All heavy atoms as atom14 arrays in JSON, in Angstrom:
{
  "sequence": "QNFVSLDYSFSLDHLADVYLRYRRLAEHWQRVLPLSVFNVDYEEMTA",
  "atom14_mask": [
    [1, 1, 1, 1, 1, 1, 1, 1, 1, 0, 0, 0, 0, 0],
    [1, 1, 1, 1, 1, 1, 1, 1, 0, 0, 0, 0, 0, 0],
    [1, 1, 1, 1, 1, 1, 1, 1, 1, 1, 1, 0, 0, 0],
    [1, 1, 1, 1, 1, 1, 1, 0, 0, 0, 0, 0, 0, 0],
    [1, 1, 1, 1, 1, 1, 0, 0, 0, 0, 0, 0, 0, 0],
    [1, 1, 1, 1, 1, 1, 1, 1, 0, 0, 0, 0, 0, 0],
    [1, 1, 1, 1, 1, 1, 1, 1, 0, 0, 0, 0, 0, 0],
    [1, 1, 1, 1, 1, 1, 1, 1, 1, 1, 1, 1, 0, 0],
    [1, 1, 1, 1, 1, 1, 0, 0, 0, 0, 0, 0, 0, 0],
    [1, 1, 1, 1, 1, 1, 1, 1, 1, 1, 1, 0, 0, 0],
    [1, 1, 1, 1, 1, 1, 0, 0, 0, 0, 0, 0, 0, 0],
    [1, 1, 1, 1, 1, 1, 1, 1, 0, 0, 0, 0, 0, 0],
    [1, 1, 1, 1, 1, 1, 1, 1, 0, 0, 0, 0, 0, 0],
    [1, 1, 1, 1, 1, 1, 1, 1, 1, 1, 0, 0, 0, 0],
    [1, 1, 1, 1, 1, 1, 1, 1, 0, 0, 0, 0, 0, 0],
    [1, 1, 1, 1, 1, 0, 0, 0, 0, 0, 0, 0, 0, 0],
    [1, 1, 1, 1, 1, 1, 1, 1, 0, 0, 0, 0, 0, 0],
    [1, 1, 1, 1, 1, 1, 1, 0, 0, 0, 0, 0, 0, 0],
    [1, 1, 1, 1, 1, 1, 1, 1, 1, 1, 1, 1, 0, 0],
    [1, 1, 1, 1, 1, 1, 1, 1, 0, 0, 0, 0, 0, 0],
    [1, 1, 1, 1, 1, 1, 1, 1, 1, 1, 1, 0, 0, 0],
    [1, 1, 1, 1, 1, 1, 1, 1, 1, 1, 1, 1, 0, 0],
    [1, 1, 1, 1, 1, 1, 1, 1, 1, 1, 1, 0, 0, 0],
    [1, 1, 1, 1, 1, 1, 1, 1, 1, 1, 1, 0, 0, 0],
    [1, 1, 1, 1, 1, 1, 1, 1, 0, 0, 0, 0, 0, 0],
    [1, 1, 1, 1, 1, 0, 0, 0, 0, 0, 0, 0, 0, 0],
    [1, 1, 1, 1, 1, 1, 1, 1, 1, 0, 0, 0, 0, 0],
    [1, 1, 1, 1, 1, 1, 1, 1, 1, 1, 0, 0, 0, 0],
    [1, 1, 1, 1, 1, 1, 1, 1, 1, 1, 1, 1, 1, 1],
    [1, 1, 1, 1, 1, 1, 1, 1, 1, 0, 0, 0, 0, 0],
    [1, 1, 1, 1, 1, 1, 1, 1, 1, 1, 1, 0, 0, 0],
    [1, 1, 1, 1, 1, 1, 1, 0, 0, 0, 0, 0, 0, 0],
    [1, 1, 1, 1, 1, 1, 1, 1, 0, 0, 0, 0, 0, 0],
    [1, 1, 1, 1, 1, 1, 1, 0, 0, 0, 0, 0, 0, 0],
    [1, 1, 1, 1, 1, 1, 1, 1, 0, 0, 0, 0, 0, 0],
    [1, 1, 1, 1, 1, 1, 0, 0, 0, 0, 0, 0, 0, 0],
    [1, 1, 1, 1, 1, 1, 1, 0, 0, 0, 0, 0, 0, 0],
    [1, 1, 1, 1, 1, 1, 1, 1, 1, 1, 1, 0, 0, 0],
    [1, 1, 1, 1, 1, 1, 1, 1, 0, 0, 0, 0, 0, 0],
    [1, 1, 1, 1, 1, 1, 1, 0, 0, 0, 0, 0, 0, 0],
    [1, 1, 1, 1, 1, 1, 1, 1, 0, 0, 0, 0, 0, 0],
    [1, 1, 1, 1, 1, 1, 1, 1, 1, 1, 1, 1, 0, 0],
    [1, 1, 1, 1, 1, 1, 1, 1, 1, 0, 0, 0, 0, 0],
    [1, 1, 1, 1, 1, 1, 1, 1, 1, 0, 0, 0, 0, 0],
    [1, 1, 1, 1, 1, 1, 1, 1, 0, 0, 0, 0, 0, 0],
    [1, 1, 1, 1, 1, 1, 1, 0, 0, 0, 0, 0, 0, 0],
    [1, 1, 1, 1, 1, 0, 0, 0, 0, 0, 0, 0, 0, 0]
  ],
  "atom14_positions": [
    [[-1.26, 15.33, -2.21], [-0.41, 15.79, -1.05], [0.86, 16.46, -1.59], [1.49, 15.98, -2.54], [-0.08, 14.61, -0.18], [-1.29, 13.96, 0.52], [-2.17, 14.96, 1.24], [-1.64, 15.69, 2.09], [-3.39, 15.03, 0.83], [0.0, 0.0, 0.0], [0.0, 0.0, 0.0], [0.0, 0.0, 0.0], [0.0, 0.0, 0.0], [0.0, 0.0, 0.0]],
    [[1.25, 17.51, -0.87], [2.46, 18.21, -1.27], [3.68, 17.53, -0.71], [4.4, 18.1, 0.13], [2.33, 19.68, -0.78], [3.45, 20.58, -1.42], [4.17, 20.13, -2.33], [3.54, 21.79, -0.93], [0.0, 0.0, 0.0], [0.0, 0.0, 0.0], [0.0, 0.0, 0.0], [0.0, 0.0, 0.0], [0.0, 0.0, 0.0], [0.0, 0.0, 0.0]],
    [[3.95, 16.31, -1.19], [5.07, 15.55, -0.68], [6.4, 16.12, -1.21], [6.38, 16.62, -2.41], [4.95, 14.02, -1.12], [3.97, 13.25, -0.33], [2.89, 12.64, -0.97], [4.09, 13.15, 1.06], [1.99, 11.87, -0.28], [3.17, 12.4, 1.71], [2.1, 11.74, 1.1], [0.0, 0.0, 0.0], [0.0, 0.0, 0.0], [0.0, 0.0, 0.0]],
    [[7.44, 16.04, -0.43], [8.76, 16.55, -0.89], [9.61, 15.37, -1.41], [10.17, 15.4, -2.49], [9.43, 17.29, 0.21], [10.9, 17.7, -0.23], [8.66, 18.54, 0.67], [0.0, 0.0, 0.0], [0.0, 0.0, 0.0], [0.0, 0.0, 0.0], [0.0, 0.0, 0.0], [0.0, 0.0, 0.0], [0.0, 0.0, 0.0], [0.0, 0.0, 0.0]],
    [[9.68, 14.32, -0.57], [10.57, 13.21, -0.91], [9.94, 12.01, -1.52], [10.57, 11.09, -2.04], [11.35, 12.78, 0.34], [10.45, 12.4, 1.37], [0.0, 0.0, 0.0], [0.0, 0.0, 0.0], [0.0, 0.0, 0.0], [0.0, 0.0, 0.0], [0.0, 0.0, 0.0], [0.0, 0.0, 0.0], [0.0, 0.0, 0.0], [0.0, 0.0, 0.0]],
    [[8.62, 11.9, -1.49], [7.85, 10.75, -1.96], [7.62, 10.98, -3.45], [6.5, 11.24, -3.95], [6.52, 10.55, -1.22], [5.92, 9.19, -1.23], [6.82, 8.22, -0.4], [4.55, 9.21, -0.67], [0.0, 0.0, 0.0], [0.0, 0.0, 0.0], [0.0, 0.0, 0.0], [0.0, 0.0, 0.0], [0.0, 0.0, 0.0], [0.0, 0.0, 0.0]],
    [[8.73, 10.87, -4.26], [8.69, 11.4, -5.6], [7.87, 10.59, -6.62], [7.55, 11.01, -7.66], [10.12, 11.67, -6.15], [11.01, 10.47, -6.12], [10.61, 9.41, -5.5], [12.15, 10.55, -6.59], [0.0, 0.0, 0.0], [0.0, 0.0, 0.0], [0.0, 0.0, 0.0], [0.0, 0.0, 0.0], [0.0, 0.0, 0.0], [0.0, 0.0, 0.0]],
    [[7.52, 9.29, -6.24], [6.7, 8.56, -7.11], [5.28, 9.11, -7.18], [4.48, 8.89, -8.07], [6.68, 7.09, -6.81], [6.02, 6.7, -5.45], [4.65, 6.66, -5.24], [6.86, 6.33, -4.43], [4.13, 6.32, -4.0], [6.33, 5.99, -3.15], [4.95, 5.99, -2.98], [4.39, 5.64, -1.77], [0.0, 0.0, 0.0], [0.0, 0.0, 0.0]],
    [[4.91, 9.94, -6.08], [3.58, 10.48, -6.01], [3.39, 11.68, -6.96], [2.21, 12.22, -7.14], [3.25, 10.93, -4.6], [4.06, 12.09, -4.27], [0.0, 0.0, 0.0], [0.0, 0.0, 0.0], [0.0, 0.0, 0.0], [0.0, 0.0, 0.0], [0.0, 0.0, 0.0], [0.0, 0.0, 0.0], [0.0, 0.0, 0.0], [0.0, 0.0, 0.0]],
    [[4.44, 12.09, -7.65], [4.33, 13.24, -8.54], [3.68, 12.86, -9.9], [3.37, 13.72, -10.69], [5.66, 13.9, -8.82], [6.45, 14.32, -7.58], [7.83, 14.53, -7.72], [5.83, 14.4, -6.4], [8.57, 14.93, -6.59], [6.59, 14.75, -5.26], [7.98, 14.99, -5.36], [0.0, 0.0, 0.0], [0.0, 0.0, 0.0], [0.0, 0.0, 0.0]],
    [[3.5, 11.58, -10.14], [3.02, 11.03, -11.43], [2.01, 9.98, -11.18], [2.16, 9.07, -10.43], [4.2, 10.44, -12.18], [3.76, 9.51, -13.14], [0.0, 0.0, 0.0], [0.0, 0.0, 0.0], [0.0, 0.0, 0.0], [0.0, 0.0, 0.0], [0.0, 0.0, 0.0], [0.0, 0.0, 0.0], [0.0, 0.0, 0.0], [0.0, 0.0, 0.0]],
    [[0.82, 10.04, -11.88], [-0.2, 9.01, -11.78], [0.29, 7.67, -12.3], [-0.05, 6.63, -11.72], [-1.46, 9.48, -12.58], [-2.18, 10.67, -11.99], [-3.45, 11.03, -12.92], [-2.67, 10.48, -10.62], [0.0, 0.0, 0.0], [0.0, 0.0, 0.0], [0.0, 0.0, 0.0], [0.0, 0.0, 0.0], [0.0, 0.0, 0.0], [0.0, 0.0, 0.0]],
    [[1.13, 7.71, -13.32], [1.71, 6.41, -13.79], [2.55, 5.8, -12.73], [2.42, 4.52, -12.51], [2.51, 6.7, -15.08], [1.69, 6.96, -16.31], [0.96, 6.06, -16.72], [1.7, 8.09, -16.81], [0.0, 0.0, 0.0], [0.0, 0.0, 0.0], [0.0, 0.0, 0.0], [0.0, 0.0, 0.0], [0.0, 0.0, 0.0], [0.0, 0.0, 0.0]],
    [[3.44, 6.53, -12.12], [4.29, 5.93, -11.09], [3.46, 5.48, -9.86], [3.81, 4.43, -9.25], [5.36, 6.93, -10.66], [6.43, 7.12, -11.68], [7.25, 8.19, -11.72], [6.8, 6.31, -12.69], [8.12, 8.08, -12.74], [7.89, 6.97, -13.35], [0.0, 0.0, 0.0], [0.0, 0.0, 0.0], [0.0, 0.0, 0.0], [0.0, 0.0, 0.0]],
    [[2.43, 6.2, -9.56], [1.56, 5.81, -8.4], [0.94, 4.44, -8.73], [0.86, 3.59, -7.79], [0.55, 6.88, -8.18], [0.93, 8.05, -7.23], [-0.05, 9.22, -7.39], [0.98, 7.55, -5.78], [0.0, 0.0, 0.0], [0.0, 0.0, 0.0], [0.0, 0.0, 0.0], [0.0, 0.0, 0.0], [0.0, 0.0, 0.0], [0.0, 0.0, 0.0]],
    [[0.49, 4.3, -9.91], [-0.15, 3.04, -10.29], [0.85, 1.89, -10.18], [0.59, 0.81, -9.65], [-0.74, 3.16, -11.73], [0.0, 0.0, 0.0], [0.0, 0.0, 0.0], [0.0, 0.0, 0.0], [0.0, 0.0, 0.0], [0.0, 0.0, 0.0], [0.0, 0.0, 0.0], [0.0, 0.0, 0.0], [0.0, 0.0, 0.0], [0.0, 0.0, 0.0]],
    [[2.07, 2.06, -10.68], [3.14, 1.09, -10.57], [3.38, 0.7, -9.12], [3.41, -0.51, -8.76], [4.43, 1.63, -11.18], [4.41, 1.72, -12.67], [3.46, 1.18, -13.28], [5.29, 2.4, -13.21], [0.0, 0.0, 0.0], [0.0, 0.0, 0.0], [0.0, 0.0, 0.0], [0.0, 0.0, 0.0], [0.0, 0.0, 0.0], [0.0, 0.0, 0.0]],
    [[3.59, 1.69, -8.26], [3.9, 1.45, -6.87], [2.75, 0.78, -6.13], [2.99, -0.18, -5.38], [4.33, 2.76, -6.16], [4.34, 2.6, -4.7], [5.62, 3.33, -6.73], [0.0, 0.0, 0.0], [0.0, 0.0, 0.0], [0.0, 0.0, 0.0], [0.0, 0.0, 0.0], [0.0, 0.0, 0.0], [0.0, 0.0, 0.0], [0.0, 0.0, 0.0]],
    [[1.5, 1.11, -6.43], [0.39, 0.57, -5.75], [0.31, -0.89, -6.12], [0.01, -1.77, -5.28], [-0.9, 1.24, -6.12], [-2.07, 0.71, -5.22], [-2.33, 1.18, -4.0], [-2.75, -0.37, -5.7], [-3.3, 0.66, -3.18], [-3.73, -0.94, -4.86], [-4.04, -0.42, -3.59], [-5.01, -1.01, -2.81], [0.0, 0.0, 0.0], [0.0, 0.0, 0.0]],
    [[0.44, -1.27, -7.43], [0.26, -2.67, -7.82], [1.39, -3.52, -7.21], [1.12, -4.69, -6.85], [0.35, -2.74, -9.4], [-0.86, -2.13, -10.08], [-0.67, -2.09, -11.56], [-2.14, -3.0, -9.74], [0.0, 0.0, 0.0], [0.0, 0.0, 0.0], [0.0, 0.0, 0.0], [0.0, 0.0, 0.0], [0.0, 0.0, 0.0], [0.0, 0.0, 0.0]],
    [[2.56, -3.0, -7.07], [3.67, -3.78, -6.45], [3.42, -3.88, -4.95], [3.73, -4.89, -4.36], [4.99, -3.06, -6.73], [5.44, -3.18, -8.19], [6.54, -2.27, -8.55], [6.67, -2.18, -9.98], [7.19, -1.12, -10.6], [7.72, -0.17, -9.9], [7.23, -1.09, -11.91], [0.0, 0.0, 0.0], [0.0, 0.0, 0.0], [0.0, 0.0, 0.0]],
    [[2.87, -2.82, -4.34], [2.5, -2.93, -2.92], [1.46, -4.08, -2.72], [1.58, -4.84, -1.82], [1.92, -1.57, -2.48], [0.81, -1.69, -1.44], [1.12, -1.88, -0.06], [-0.51, -1.51, -1.8], [0.14, -2.01, 0.87], [-1.54, -1.6, -0.87], [-1.19, -1.83, 0.48], [-2.17, -1.95, 1.43], [0.0, 0.0, 0.0], [0.0, 0.0, 0.0]],
    [[0.52, -4.14, -3.59], [-0.53, -5.17, -3.44], [0.06, -6.55, -3.66], [-0.31, -7.5, -2.98], [-1.66, -4.93, -4.42], [-2.89, -5.76, -4.14], [-4.08, -5.26, -4.87], [-3.99, -5.32, -6.33], [-4.9, -4.88, -7.16], [-5.92, -4.2, -6.74], [-4.7, -5.0, -8.45], [0.0, 0.0, 0.0], [0.0, 0.0, 0.0], [0.0, 0.0, 0.0]],
    [[1.0, -6.63, -4.56], [1.68, -7.94, -4.79], [2.5, -8.34, -3.57], [2.45, -9.52, -3.19], [2.63, -7.8, -6.01], [3.36, -9.04, -6.35], [4.16, -8.95, -7.67], [5.11, -9.93, -7.82], [6.47, -9.66, -7.97], [6.8, -8.41, -8.1], [7.36, -10.58, -8.08], [0.0, 0.0, 0.0], [0.0, 0.0, 0.0], [0.0, 0.0, 0.0]],
    [[3.17, -7.38, -2.9], [3.97, -7.65, -1.72], [3.03, -8.02, -0.58], [3.36, -8.9, 0.22], [4.84, -6.49, -1.37], [5.76, -6.67, -0.23], [6.77, -7.8, -0.42], [6.6, -5.41, 0.06], [0.0, 0.0, 0.0], [0.0, 0.0, 0.0], [0.0, 0.0, 0.0], [0.0, 0.0, 0.0], [0.0, 0.0, 0.0], [0.0, 0.0, 0.0]],
    [[1.85, -7.34, -0.5], [0.88, -7.62, 0.55], [0.43, -9.06, 0.43], [0.33, -9.77, 1.48], [-0.29, -6.74, 0.45], [0.0, 0.0, 0.0], [0.0, 0.0, 0.0], [0.0, 0.0, 0.0], [0.0, 0.0, 0.0], [0.0, 0.0, 0.0], [0.0, 0.0, 0.0], [0.0, 0.0, 0.0], [0.0, 0.0, 0.0], [0.0, 0.0, 0.0]],
    [[0.18, -9.49, -0.71], [-0.27, -10.96, -0.93], [0.82, -11.91, -0.55], [0.59, -12.97, 0.06], [-0.7, -11.19, -2.45], [-1.92, -10.37, -2.75], [-2.2, -10.31, -4.27], [-1.33, -10.78, -5.03], [-3.28, -9.83, -4.71], [0.0, 0.0, 0.0], [0.0, 0.0, 0.0], [0.0, 0.0, 0.0], [0.0, 0.0, 0.0], [0.0, 0.0, 0.0]],
    [[2.09, -11.54, -0.83], [3.24, -12.36, -0.44], [3.34, -12.47, 1.09], [3.47, -13.54, 1.67], [4.49, -11.82, -1.0], [5.77, -12.51, -0.59], [6.1, -13.76, -1.01], [6.69, -12.14, 0.28], [7.2, -14.17, -0.48], [7.62, -13.24, 0.31], [0.0, 0.0, 0.0], [0.0, 0.0, 0.0], [0.0, 0.0, 0.0], [0.0, 0.0, 0.0]],
    [[3.31, -11.29, 1.77], [3.38, -11.28, 3.21], [2.27, -12.11, 3.86], [2.45, -12.8, 4.87], [3.3, -9.84, 3.77], [4.5, -9.0, 3.52], [4.42, -7.66, 3.23], [5.89, -9.28, 3.6], [5.67, -7.1, 3.11], [6.63, -8.13, 3.33], [6.58, -10.45, 3.82], [8.04, -8.07, 3.28], [8.04, -10.42, 3.76], [8.67, -9.23, 3.53]],
    [[1.13, -12.05, 3.28], [-0.06, -12.76, 3.82], [0.24, -14.28, 3.75], [-0.2, -15.06, 4.61], [-1.32, -12.44, 2.96], [-2.6, -13.01, 3.62], [-3.79, -12.5, 2.87], [-3.73, -11.65, 2.0], [-4.99, -13.02, 3.28], [0.0, 0.0, 0.0], [0.0, 0.0, 0.0], [0.0, 0.0, 0.0], [0.0, 0.0, 0.0], [0.0, 0.0, 0.0]],
    [[0.92, -14.76, 2.75], [1.28, -16.15, 2.63], [2.41, -16.62, 3.56], [2.36, -17.71, 4.11], [1.65, -16.45, 1.16], [0.52, -16.42, 0.18], [0.93, -17.04, -1.17], [2.04, -16.33, -1.76], [1.97, -15.35, -2.56], [0.77, -14.87, -2.92], [3.03, -14.79, -3.1], [0.0, 0.0, 0.0], [0.0, 0.0, 0.0], [0.0, 0.0, 0.0]],
    [[3.42, -15.79, 3.75], [4.67, -16.26, 4.36], [5.0, -15.63, 5.73], [5.78, -16.21, 6.52], [5.9, -16.03, 3.43], [5.62, -16.66, 2.05], [6.26, -14.62, 3.27], [0.0, 0.0, 0.0], [0.0, 0.0, 0.0], [0.0, 0.0, 0.0], [0.0, 0.0, 0.0], [0.0, 0.0, 0.0], [0.0, 0.0, 0.0], [0.0, 0.0, 0.0]],
    [[4.46, -14.46, 6.03], [4.95, -13.64, 7.21], [4.54, -14.38, 8.47], [3.29, -14.64, 8.67], [4.43, -12.28, 7.12], [5.18, -11.29, 8.01], [6.58, -10.99, 7.49], [4.39, -9.94, 8.07], [0.0, 0.0, 0.0], [0.0, 0.0, 0.0], [0.0, 0.0, 0.0], [0.0, 0.0, 0.0], [0.0, 0.0, 0.0], [0.0, 0.0, 0.0]],
    [[5.49, -14.64, 9.4], [5.15, -15.3, 10.69], [4.6, -14.3, 11.74], [4.22, -14.74, 12.83], [6.46, -15.93, 11.13], [7.52, -15.12, 10.5], [6.94, -14.59, 9.21], [0.0, 0.0, 0.0], [0.0, 0.0, 0.0], [0.0, 0.0, 0.0], [0.0, 0.0, 0.0], [0.0, 0.0, 0.0], [0.0, 0.0, 0.0], [0.0, 0.0, 0.0]],
    [[4.55, -13.0, 11.49], [4.09, -12.02, 12.4], [2.57, -12.06, 12.51], [1.86, -12.38, 11.58], [4.57, -10.61, 12.0], [6.06, -10.3, 12.2], [6.33, -8.96, 11.57], [6.4, -10.39, 13.68], [0.0, 0.0, 0.0], [0.0, 0.0, 0.0], [0.0, 0.0, 0.0], [0.0, 0.0, 0.0], [0.0, 0.0, 0.0], [0.0, 0.0, 0.0]],
    [[2.06, -11.55, 13.65], [0.6, -11.31, 13.84], [0.23, -9.96, 13.12], [0.76, -8.94, 13.39], [0.3, -11.19, 15.27], [0.56, -12.4, 16.02], [0.0, 0.0, 0.0], [0.0, 0.0, 0.0], [0.0, 0.0, 0.0], [0.0, 0.0, 0.0], [0.0, 0.0, 0.0], [0.0, 0.0, 0.0], [0.0, 0.0, 0.0], [0.0, 0.0, 0.0]],
    [[-0.71, -10.11, 12.16], [-1.19, -8.91, 11.38], [-2.64, -8.74, 11.49], [-3.47, -9.66, 11.48], [-0.77, -9.19, 9.9], [-1.2, -7.96, 9.02], [0.72, -9.36, 9.74], [0.0, 0.0, 0.0], [0.0, 0.0, 0.0], [0.0, 0.0, 0.0], [0.0, 0.0, 0.0], [0.0, 0.0, 0.0], [0.0, 0.0, 0.0], [0.0, 0.0, 0.0]],
    [[-3.04, -7.44, 11.72], [-4.43, -7.1, 11.83], [-4.71, -6.07, 10.73], [-3.98, -5.02, 10.61], [-4.72, -6.45, 13.19], [-6.14, -6.08, 13.41], [-7.08, -7.02, 13.86], [-6.58, -4.75, 13.22], [-8.41, -6.57, 14.08], [-7.9, -4.35, 13.35], [-8.79, -5.32, 13.83], [0.0, 0.0, 0.0], [0.0, 0.0, 0.0], [0.0, 0.0, 0.0]],
    [[-5.68, -6.39, 9.84], [-6.01, -5.55, 8.75], [-7.03, -4.52, 9.16], [-8.07, -4.85, 9.71], [-6.52, -6.32, 7.58], [-5.39, -7.21, 6.95], [-4.3, -6.76, 6.77], [-5.74, -8.43, 6.65], [0.0, 0.0, 0.0], [0.0, 0.0, 0.0], [0.0, 0.0, 0.0], [0.0, 0.0, 0.0], [0.0, 0.0, 0.0], [0.0, 0.0, 0.0]],
    [[-6.71, -3.19, 8.88], [-7.67, -2.15, 9.13], [-8.12, -1.51, 7.76], [-7.32, -0.97, 7.13], [-7.05, -1.02, 10.03], [-7.94, 0.2, 10.07], [-6.76, -1.53, 11.41], [0.0, 0.0, 0.0], [0.0, 0.0, 0.0], [0.0, 0.0, 0.0], [0.0, 0.0, 0.0], [0.0, 0.0, 0.0], [0.0, 0.0, 0.0], [0.0, 0.0, 0.0]],
    [[-9.36, -1.69, 7.43], [-9.85, -1.09, 6.22], [-10.43, 0.24, 6.5], [-11.33, 0.49, 7.41], [-10.97, -2.0, 5.58], [-10.41, -3.29, 5.05], [-9.33, -3.24, 4.41], [-10.96, -4.38, 5.28], [0.0, 0.0, 0.0], [0.0, 0.0, 0.0], [0.0, 0.0, 0.0], [0.0, 0.0, 0.0], [0.0, 0.0, 0.0], [0.0, 0.0, 0.0]],
    [[-9.93, 1.27, 5.79], [-10.32, 2.66, 6.01], [-11.81, 2.81, 5.89], [-12.42, 3.56, 6.7], [-9.58, 3.53, 4.98], [-9.85, 4.98, 5.05], [-9.16, 5.77, 6.02], [-10.91, 5.6, 4.31], [-9.38, 7.11, 6.21], [-11.14, 6.98, 4.48], [-10.37, 7.72, 5.4], [-10.67, 9.05, 5.53], [0.0, 0.0, 0.0], [0.0, 0.0, 0.0]],
    [[-12.4, 2.11, 4.98], [-13.85, 2.29, 4.78], [-14.66, 1.75, 5.96], [-15.66, 2.4, 6.38], [-14.31, 1.57, 3.49], [-13.77, 2.22, 2.2], [-12.24, 1.99, 1.97], [-11.74, 1.05, 2.54], [-11.68, 2.62, 1.12], [0.0, 0.0, 0.0], [0.0, 0.0, 0.0], [0.0, 0.0, 0.0], [0.0, 0.0, 0.0], [0.0, 0.0, 0.0]],
    [[-14.14, 0.68, 6.57], [-14.84, 0.17, 7.8], [-14.58, 1.07, 8.96], [-15.48, 1.3, 9.81], [-14.28, -1.23, 8.13], [-15.02, -1.84, 9.33], [-14.54, -3.21, 9.72], [-13.61, -3.77, 9.03], [-14.99, -3.7, 10.72], [0.0, 0.0, 0.0], [0.0, 0.0, 0.0], [0.0, 0.0, 0.0], [0.0, 0.0, 0.0], [0.0, 0.0, 0.0]],
    [[-13.31, 1.62, 9.07], [-13.05, 2.54, 10.18], [-13.98, 3.75, 10.13], [-14.35, 4.19, 11.21], [-11.56, 2.98, 9.97], [-11.11, 4.05, 11.0], [-10.96, 3.29, 12.69], [-9.26, 2.61, 12.57], [0.0, 0.0, 0.0], [0.0, 0.0, 0.0], [0.0, 0.0, 0.0], [0.0, 0.0, 0.0], [0.0, 0.0, 0.0], [0.0, 0.0, 0.0]],
    [[-14.27, 4.24, 8.96], [-15.12, 5.44, 8.93], [-16.62, 5.06, 9.04], [-17.39, 5.88, 9.48], [-14.93, 6.18, 7.62], [-15.17, 5.3, 6.46], [-13.51, 6.72, 7.5], [0.0, 0.0, 0.0], [0.0, 0.0, 0.0], [0.0, 0.0, 0.0], [0.0, 0.0, 0.0], [0.0, 0.0, 0.0], [0.0, 0.0, 0.0], [0.0, 0.0, 0.0]],
    [[-17.0, 3.86, 8.64], [-18.39, 3.44, 8.79], [-18.81, 2.9, 10.11], [-19.88, 3.17, 10.63], [-18.69, 2.47, 7.65], [0.0, 0.0, 0.0], [0.0, 0.0, 0.0], [0.0, 0.0, 0.0], [0.0, 0.0, 0.0], [0.0, 0.0, 0.0], [0.0, 0.0, 0.0], [0.0, 0.0, 0.0], [0.0, 0.0, 0.0], [0.0, 0.0, 0.0]]
  ]
}
C-alpha cells in the first residue's frame, strides 16, 4: 500500500517487528480487557 504516514510499512523488517508486538498485545488484551470483543477472521469472512 502506498501509505504516507504509516512509515513502519516501508520495511519488511519493521513490519515483522510491529506485527509480532501487535500479536503480543492481542494476547494481553484477551487476558485482561473487560470489554466485549468479537473476533472477525478475514479468511472466514471471505469463505
